[in-house]
Amino acid sequence: MKAISLFSGVGGLDLAAEAAGIEPVLFCEIEPYAVSILRKRWPDVPMILDDVRKLTKEVVPDGSHGTIDIVYGGFPQ
């Protein structure tokens, strides 16, 4: 399964998702420190959006990562 991770933070949910066989293909996180951790943990994920409002179907065109099966997020307080 392939996923888009919203409000990713440092990737806690993403580590759990990977353990369950889910592959994150795009992150959305605004905090620079958290982004640096995501880049270190997932160097093969090419896109980290800094604003969830930029996530559109044009950003992730059909077929670019295969089918996106799930969208999940660690929503901010």
PDB file of N, CA and C in Angstrom:
ATOM      1  N   MET A   1       0.828  -1.180   0.000  1.00  0.00           N
ATOM      2  CA  MET A   1       0.000   0.000   0.000  1.00  0.00           C
ATOM      3  C   MET A   1       0.874   1.244   0.000  1.00  0.00           C
ATOM      4  N   LYS A   2       0.430   2.257  -0.712  1.00  0.00           N
ATOM      5  CA  LYS A   2       1.145   3.525  -0.774  1.00  0.00           C
ATOM      6  C   LYS A   2       0.306   4.607  -0.110  1.00  0.00           C
ATOM      7  N   ALA A   3       0.998   5.549   0.564  1.00  0.00           N
ATOM      8  CA  ALA A   3       0.280   6.530   1.374  1.00  0.00           C
ATOM      9  C   ALA A   3       0.835   7.935   1.220  1.00  0.00           C
ATOM     10  N   ILE A   4      -0.031   8.884   1.491  1.00  0.00           N
ATOM     11  CA  ILE A   4       0.343  10.290   1.657  1.00  0.00           C
ATOM     12  C   ILE A   4       0.189  10.595   3.138  1.00  0.00           C
ATOM     13  N   SER A   5       1.229  11.181   3.720  1.00  0.00           N
ATOM     14  CA  SER A   5       1.250  11.499   5.137  1.00  0.00           C
ATOM     15  C   SER A   5       1.097  13.006   5.316  1.00  0.00           C
ATOM     16  N   LEU A   6       0.048  13.419   6.022  1.00  0.00           N
ATOM     17  CA  LEU A   6      -0.196  14.835   6.284  1.00  0.00           C
ATOM     18  C   LEU A   6       0.198  15.178   7.716  1.00  0.00           C
ATOM     19  N   PHE A   7       0.677  16.400   7.923  1.00  0.00           N
ATOM     20  CA  PHE A   7       1.083  16.857   9.255  1.00  0.00           C
ATOM     21  C   PHE A   7       2.018  15.818   9.869  1.00  0.00           C
ATOM     22  N   SER A   8       3.060  15.486   9.132  1.00  0.00           N
ATOM     23  CA  SER A   8       3.896  14.314   9.408  1.00  0.00           C
ATOM     24  C   SER A   8       4.750  14.416  10.657  1.00  0.00           C
ATOM     25  N   GLY A   9       5.065  15.626  11.089  1.00  0.00           N
ATOM     26  CA  GLY A   9       5.968  15.744  12.234  1.00  0.00           C
ATOM     27  C   GLY A   9       7.292  15.071  11.893  1.00  0.00           C
ATOM     28  N   VAL A  10       7.862  14.344  12.848  1.00  0.00           N
ATOM     29  CA  VAL A  10       9.129  13.656  12.610  1.00  0.00           C
ATOM     30  C   VAL A  10       8.927  12.231  12.113  1.00  0.00           C
ATOM     31  N   GLY A  11       7.668  11.855  11.836  1.00  0.00           N
ATOM     32  CA  GLY A  11       7.420  10.573  11.197  1.00  0.00           C
ATOM     33  C   GLY A  11       7.010   9.438  12.104  1.00  0.00           C
ATOM     34  N   GLY A  12       6.499   9.727  13.285  1.00  0.00           N
ATOM     35  CA  GLY A  12       6.076   8.660  14.188  1.00  0.00           C
ATOM     36  C   GLY A  12       5.004   7.768  13.584  1.00  0.00           C
ATOM     37  N   LEU A  13       3.963   8.375  13.028  1.00  0.00           N
ATOM     38  CA  LEU A  13       2.913   7.585  12.379  1.00  0.00           C
ATOM     39  C   LEU A  13       3.464   6.823  11.183  1.00  0.00           C
ATOM     40  N   ASP A  14       4.407   7.428  10.492  1.00  0.00           N
ATOM     41  CA  ASP A  14       4.976   6.815   9.296  1.00  0.00           C
ATOM     42  C   ASP A  14       5.820   5.587   9.632  1.00  0.00           C
ATOM     43  N   LEU A  15       6.512   5.630  10.757  1.00  0.00           N
ATOM     44  CA  LEU A  15       7.258   4.445  11.201  1.00  0.00           C
ATOM     45  C   LEU A  15       6.300   3.289  11.487  1.00  0.00           C
ATOM     46  N   ALA A  16       5.182   3.607  12.151  1.00  0.00           N
ATOM     47  CA  ALA A  16       4.178   2.582  12.430  1.00  0.00           C
ATOM     48  C   ALA A  16       3.552   2.078  11.132  1.00  0.00           C
ATOM     49  N   ALA A  17       3.278   2.992  10.203  1.00  0.00           N
ATOM     50  CA  ALA A  17       2.687   2.591   8.921  1.00  0.00           C
ATOM     51  C   ALA A  17       3.626   1.661   8.168  1.00  0.00           C
ATOM     52  N   GLU A  18       4.915   1.990   8.159  1.00  0.00           N
ATOM     53  CA  GLU A  18       5.884   1.119   7.480  1.00  0.00           C
ATOM     54  C   GLU A  18       5.921  -0.274   8.097  1.00  0.00           C
ATOM     55  N   ALA A  19       5.827  -0.316   9.415  1.00  0.00           N
ATOM     56  CA  ALA A  19       5.823  -1.621  10.094  1.00  0.00           C
ATOM     57  C   ALA A  19       4.605  -2.449   9.687  1.00  0.00           C
ATOM     58  N   ALA A  20       3.541  -1.760   9.263  1.00  0.00           N
ATOM     59  CA  ALA A  20       2.321  -2.445   8.816  1.00  0.00           C
ATOM     60  C   ALA A  20       2.313  -2.671   7.305  1.00  0.00           C
ATOM     61  N   GLY A  21       3.427  -2.349   6.633  1.00  0.00           N
ATOM     62  CA  GLY A  21       3.532  -2.595   5.198  1.00  0.00           C
ATOM     63  C   GLY A  21       3.065  -1.458   4.321  1.00  0.00           C
ATOM     64  N   ILE A  22       2.902  -0.266   4.886  1.00  0.00           N
ATOM     65  CA  ILE A  22       2.459   0.902   4.132  1.00  0.00           C
ATOM     66  C   ILE A  22       3.675   1.756   3.788  1.00  0.00           C
ATOM     67  N   GLU A  23       3.775   2.164   2.525  1.00  0.00           N
ATOM     68  CA  GLU A  23       4.926   2.943   2.045  1.00  0.00           C
ATOM     69  C   GLU A  23       4.528   4.411   1.870  1.00  0.00           C
ATOM     70  N   PRO A  24       5.119   5.327   2.664  1.00  0.00           N
ATOM     71  CA  PRO A  24       4.837   6.739   2.442  1.00  0.00           C
ATOM     72  C   PRO A  24       5.519   7.215   1.155  1.00  0.00           C
ATOM     73  N   VAL A  25       4.765   7.907   0.298  1.00  0.00           N
ATOM     74  CA  VAL A  25       5.331   8.404  -0.959  1.00  0.00           C
ATOM     75  C   VAL A  25       5.357   9.929  -1.022  1.00  0.00           C
ATOM     76  N   LEU A  26       4.718  10.574  -0.052  1.00  0.00           N
ATOM     77  CA  LEU A  26       4.713  12.030   0.001  1.00  0.00           C
ATOM     78  C   LEU A  26       4.412  12.446   1.430  1.00  0.00           C
ATOM     79  N   PHE A  27       5.174  13.420   1.912  1.00  0.00           N
ATOM     80  CA  PHE A  27       4.949  13.978   3.248  1.00  0.00           C
ATOM     81  C   PHE A  27       4.480  15.414   3.110  1.00  0.00           C
ATOM     82  N   CYS A  28       3.762  15.875   4.118  1.00  0.00           N
ATOM     83  CA  CYS A  28       3.380  17.277   4.209  1.00  0.00           C
ATOM     84  C   CYS A  28       3.691  17.744   5.624  1.00  0.00           C
ATOM     85  N   GLU A  29       4.690  18.609   5.737  1.00  0.00           N
ATOM     86  CA  GLU A  29       5.134  19.101   7.049  1.00  0.00           C
ATOM     87  C   GLU A  29       5.742  20.483   6.880  1.00  0.00           C
ATOM     88  N   ILE A  30       5.389  21.407   7.764  1.00  0.00           N
ATOM     89  CA  ILE A  30       5.838  22.790   7.638  1.00  0.00           C
ATOM     90  C   ILE A  30       7.067  23.106   8.503  1.00  0.00           C
ATOM     91  N   GLU A  31       7.255  22.400   9.599  1.00  0.00           N
ATOM     92  CA  GLU A  31       8.343  22.713  10.526  1.00  0.00           C
ATOM     93  C   GLU A  31       9.696  22.249   9.980  1.00  0.00           C
ATOM     94  N   PRO A  32      10.659  23.171   9.845  1.00  0.00           N
ATOM     95  CA  PRO A  32      11.949  22.820   9.237  1.00  0.00           C
ATOM     96  C   PRO A  32      12.695  21.682   9.949  1.00  0.00           C
ATOM     97  N   TYR A  33      12.675  21.669  11.279  1.00  0.00           N
ATOM     98  CA  TYR A  33      13.381  20.597  11.984  1.00  0.00           C
ATOM     99  C   TYR A  33      12.749  19.244  11.667  1.00  0.00           C
ATOM    100  N   ALA A  34      11.434  19.181  11.716  1.00  0.00           N
ATOM    101  CA  ALA A  34      10.740  17.925  11.407  1.00  0.00           C
ATOM    102  C   ALA A  34      11.027  17.488   9.974  1.00  0.00           C
ATOM    103  N   VAL A  35      11.057  18.436   9.041  1.00  0.00           N
ATOM    104  CA  VAL A  35      11.365  18.117   7.638  1.00  0.00           C
ATOM    105  C   VAL A  35      12.763  17.510   7.532  1.00  0.00           C
ATOM    106  N   SER A  36      13.716  18.053   8.285  1.00  0.00           N
ATOM    107  CA  SER A  36      15.082  17.509   8.228  1.00  0.00           C
ATOM    108  C   SER A  36      15.122  16.068   8.723  1.00  0.00           C
ATOM    109  N   ILE A  37      14.326  15.739   9.729  1.00  0.00           N
ATOM    110  CA  ILE A  37      14.254  14.365  10.230  1.00  0.00           C
ATOM    111  C   ILE A  37      13.603  13.457   9.186  1.00  0.00           C
ATOM    112  N   LEU A  38      12.517  13.924   8.565  1.00  0.00           N
ATOM    113  CA  LEU A  38      11.852  13.130   7.526  1.00  0.00           C
ATOM    114  C   LEU A  38      12.817  12.835   6.380  1.00  0.00           C
ATOM    115  N   ARG A  39      13.583  13.840   5.955  1.00  0.00           N
ATOM    116  CA  ARG A  39      14.533  13.640   4.851  1.00  0.00           C
ATOM    117  C   ARG A  39      15.614  12.624   5.221  1.00  0.00           C
ATOM    118  N   LYS A  40      16.018  12.631   6.484  1.00  0.00           N
ATOM    119  CA  LYS A  40      17.036  11.676   6.924  1.00  0.00           C
ATOM    120  C   LYS A  40      16.467  10.255   7.006  1.00  0.00           C
ATOM    121  N   ARG A  41      15.241  10.131   7.531  1.00  0.00           N
ATOM    122  CA  ARG A  41      14.629   8.810   7.691  1.00  0.00           C
ATOM    123  C   ARG A  41      14.141   8.213   6.373  1.00  0.00           C
ATOM    124  N   TRP A  42      13.682   9.066   5.464  1.00  0.00           N
ATOM    125  CA  TRP A  42      13.129   8.602   4.182  1.00  0.00           C
ATOM    126  C   TRP A  42      13.788   9.357   3.030  1.00  0.00           C
ATOM    127  N   PRO A  43      15.058   9.101   2.776  1.00  0.00           N
ATOM    128  CA  PRO A  43      15.758   9.838   1.709  1.00  0.00           C
ATOM    129  C   PRO A  43      15.215   9.554   0.312  1.00  0.00           C
ATOM    130  N   ASP A  44      14.492   8.455   0.136  1.00  0.00           N
ATOM    131  CA  ASP A  44      13.963   8.114  -1.183  1.00  0.00           C
ATOM    132  C   ASP A  44      12.593   8.730  -1.472  1.00  0.00           C
ATOM    133  N   VAL A  45      11.993   9.385  -0.489  1.00  0.00           N
ATOM    134  CA  VAL A  45      10.708  10.068  -0.721  1.00  0.00           C
ATOM    135  C   VAL A  45      11.037  11.456  -1.250  1.00  0.00           C
ATOM    136  N   PRO A  46      10.746  11.709  -2.538  1.00  0.00           N
ATOM    137  CA  PRO A  46      11.230  12.934  -3.176  1.00  0.00           C
ATOM    138  C   PRO A  46      10.484  14.202  -2.793  1.00  0.00           C
ATOM    139  N   MET A  47       9.245  14.087  -2.300  1.00  0.00           N
ATOM    140  CA  MET A  47       8.471  15.299  -2.105  1.00  0.00           C
ATOM    141  C   MET A  47       8.011  15.453  -0.666  1.00  0.00           C
ATOM    142  N   ILE A  48       8.335  16.627  -0.097  1.00  0.00           N
ATOM    143  CA  ILE A  48       7.796  17.025   1.190  1.00  0.00           C
ATOM    144  C   ILE A  48       7.198  18.412   0.988  1.00  0.00           C
ATOM    145  N   LEU A  49       5.886  18.482   1.010  1.00  0.00           N
ATOM    146  CA  LEU A  49       5.208  19.761   0.856  1.00  0.00           C
ATOM    147  C   LEU A  49       5.238  20.511   2.182  1.00  0.00           C
ATOM    148  N   ASP A  50       5.370  21.836   2.116  1.00  0.00           N
ATOM    149  CA  ASP A  50       5.404  22.624   3.340  1.00  0.00           C
ATOM    150  C   ASP A  50       4.038  23.176   3.729  1.00  0.00           C
ATOM    151  N   ASP A  51       3.037  22.962   2.901  1.00  0.00           N
ATOM    152  CA  ASP A  51       1.711  23.511   3.174  1.00  0.00           C
ATOM    153  C   ASP A  51       0.659  22.547   2.630  1.00  0.00           C
ATOM    154  N   VAL A  52      -0.212  22.064   3.498  1.00  0.00           N
ATOM    155  CA  VAL A  52      -1.223  21.088   3.092  1.00  0.00           C
ATOM    156  C   VAL A  52      -2.132  21.659   2.003  1.00  0.00           C
ATOM    157  N   ARG A  53      -2.257  22.975   1.941  1.00  0.00           N
ATOM    158  CA  ARG A  53      -3.107  23.586   0.915  1.00  0.00           C
ATOM    159  C   ARG A  53      -2.511  23.460  -0.481  1.00  0.00           C
ATOM    160  N   LYS A  54      -1.241  23.091  -0.580  1.00  0.00           N
ATOM    161  CA  LYS A  54      -0.586  22.885  -1.876  1.00  0.00           C
ATOM    162  C   LYS A  54      -0.798  21.468  -2.422  1.00  0.00           C
ATOM    163  N   LEU A  55      -1.390  20.611  -1.623  1.00  0.00           N
ATOM    164  CA  LEU A  55      -1.607  19.231  -2.055  1.00  0.00           C
ATOM    165  C   LEU A  55      -2.844  19.169  -2.947  1.00  0.00           C
ATOM    166  N   THR A  56      -2.598  18.984  -4.227  1.00  0.00           N
ATOM    167  CA  THR A  56      -3.673  18.876  -5.211  1.00  0.00           C
ATOM    168  C   THR A  56      -3.384  17.683  -6.109  1.00  0.00           C
ATOM    169  N   LYS A  57      -4.349  17.315  -6.899  1.00  0.00           N
ATOM    170  CA  LYS A  57      -4.111  16.192  -7.809  1.00  0.00           C
ATOM    171  C   LYS A  57      -3.050  16.544  -8.845  1.00  0.00           C
ATOM    172  N   GLU A  58      -2.822  17.833  -9.108  1.00  0.00           N
ATOM    173  CA  GLU A  58      -1.769  18.219 -10.039  1.00  0.00           C
ATOM    174  C   GLU A  58      -0.384  17.984  -9.442  1.00  0.00           C
ATOM    175  N   VAL A  59      -0.269  18.098  -8.139  1.00  0.00           N
ATOM    176  CA  VAL A  59       1.011  17.860  -7.461  1.00  0.00           C
ATOM    177  C   VAL A  59       1.361  16.377  -7.486  1.00  0.00           C
ATOM    178  N   VAL A  60       0.365  15.533  -7.328  1.00  0.00           N
ATOM    179  CA  VAL A  60       0.558  14.089  -7.356  1.00  0.00           C
ATOM    180  C   VAL A  60      -0.288  13.544  -8.505  1.00  0.00           C
ATOM    181  N   PRO A  61       0.213  13.682  -9.720  1.00  0.00           N
ATOM    182  CA  PRO A  61      -0.594  13.225 -10.859  1.00  0.00           C
ATOM    183  C   PRO A  61      -0.809  11.725 -10.842  1.00  0.00           C
ATOM    184  N   ASP A  62      -1.898  11.307 -11.448  1.00  0.00           N
ATOM    185  CA  ASP A  62      -2.222   9.877 -11.521  1.00  0.00           C
ATOM    186  C   ASP A  62      -1.042   9.098 -12.066  1.00  0.00           C
ATOM    187  N   GLY A  63      -0.711   8.033 -11.379  1.00  0.00           N
ATOM    188  CA  GLY A  63       0.337   7.141 -11.853  1.00  0.00           C
ATOM    189  C   GLY A  63       1.743   7.511 -11.450  1.00  0.00           C
ATOM    190  N   SER A  64       1.959   8.683 -10.855  1.00  0.00           N
ATOM    191  CA  SER A  64       3.328   9.066 -10.516  1.00  0.00           C
ATOM    192  C   SER A  64       3.912   8.176  -9.432  1.00  0.00           C
ATOM    193  N   HIS A  65       3.080   7.687  -8.561  1.00  0.00           N
ATOM    194  CA  HIS A  65       3.520   6.775  -7.505  1.00  0.00           C
ATOM    195  C   HIS A  65       2.702   5.493  -7.529  1.00  0.00           C
ATOM    196  N   GLY A  66       1.990   5.262  -8.588  1.00  0.00           N
ATOM    197  CA  GLY A  66       1.019   4.182  -8.573  1.00  0.00           C
ATOM    198  C   GLY A  66      -0.238   4.689  -7.896  1.00  0.00           C
ATOM    199  N   THR A  67      -1.043   3.798  -7.419  1.00  0.00           N
ATOM    200  CA  THR A  67      -2.272   4.180  -6.741  1.00  0.00           C
ATOM    201  C   THR A  67      -1.972   4.579  -5.303  1.00  0.00           C
ATOM    202  N   ILE A  68      -2.512   5.700  -4.877  1.00  0.00           N
ATOM    203  CA  ILE A  68      -2.422   6.091  -3.474  1.00  0.00           C
ATOM    204  C   ILE A  68      -3.575   5.381  -2.766  1.00  0.00           C
ATOM    205  N   ASP A  69      -3.236   4.537  -1.816  1.00  0.00           N
ATOM    206  CA  ASP A  69      -4.237   3.718  -1.138  1.00  0.00           C
ATOM    207  C   ASP A  69      -4.806   4.368   0.108  1.00  0.00           C
ATOM    208  N   ILE A  70      -3.999   5.213   0.747  1.00  0.00           N
ATOM    209  CA  ILE A  70      -4.432   5.771   2.026  1.00  0.00           C
ATOM    210  C   ILE A  70      -3.821   7.151   2.208  1.00  0.00           C
ATOM    211  N   VAL A  71      -4.570   8.017   2.867  1.00  0.00           N
ATOM    212  CA  VAL A  71      -4.079   9.325   3.300  1.00  0.00           C
ATOM    213  C   VAL A  71      -4.315   9.373   4.811  1.00  0.00           C
ATOM    214  N   TYR A  72      -3.258   9.656   5.568  1.00  0.00           N
ATOM    215  CA  TYR A  72      -3.396   9.716   7.014  1.00  0.00           C
ATOM    216  C   TYR A  72      -2.633  10.916   7.531  1.00  0.00           C
ATOM    217  N   GLY A  73      -2.908  11.303   8.766  1.00  0.00           N
ATOM    218  CA  GLY A  73      -2.207  12.457   9.305  1.00  0.00           C
ATOM    219  C   GLY A  73      -2.230  12.513  10.807  1.00  0.00           C
ATOM    220  N   GLY A  74      -1.213  13.172  11.328  1.00  0.00           N
ATOM    221  CA  GLY A  74      -1.120  13.476  12.751  1.00  0.00           C
ATOM    222  C   GLY A  74      -1.518  14.931  12.918  1.00  0.00           C
ATOM    223  N   PHE A  75      -2.808  15.178  12.951  1.00  0.00           N
ATOM    224  CA  PHE A  75      -3.321  16.547  12.893  1.00  0.00           C
ATOM    225  C   PHE A  75      -2.834  17.392  14.056  1.00  0.00           C
ATOM    226  N   PRO A  76      -2.483  18.656  13.762  1.00  0.00           N
ATOM    227  CA  PRO A  76      -1.980  19.554  14.816  1.00  0.00           C
ATOM    228  C   PRO A  76      -3.072  19.856  15.835  1.00  0.00           C
ATOM    229  N   GLN A  77      -2.617  20.289  17.005  1.00  0.00           N
ATOM    230  CA  GLN A  77      -3.572  20.606  18.075  1.00  0.00           C
ATOM    231  C   GLN A  77      -4.266  21.899  17.831  1.00  0.00           C
TER     232      GLN A  77
END
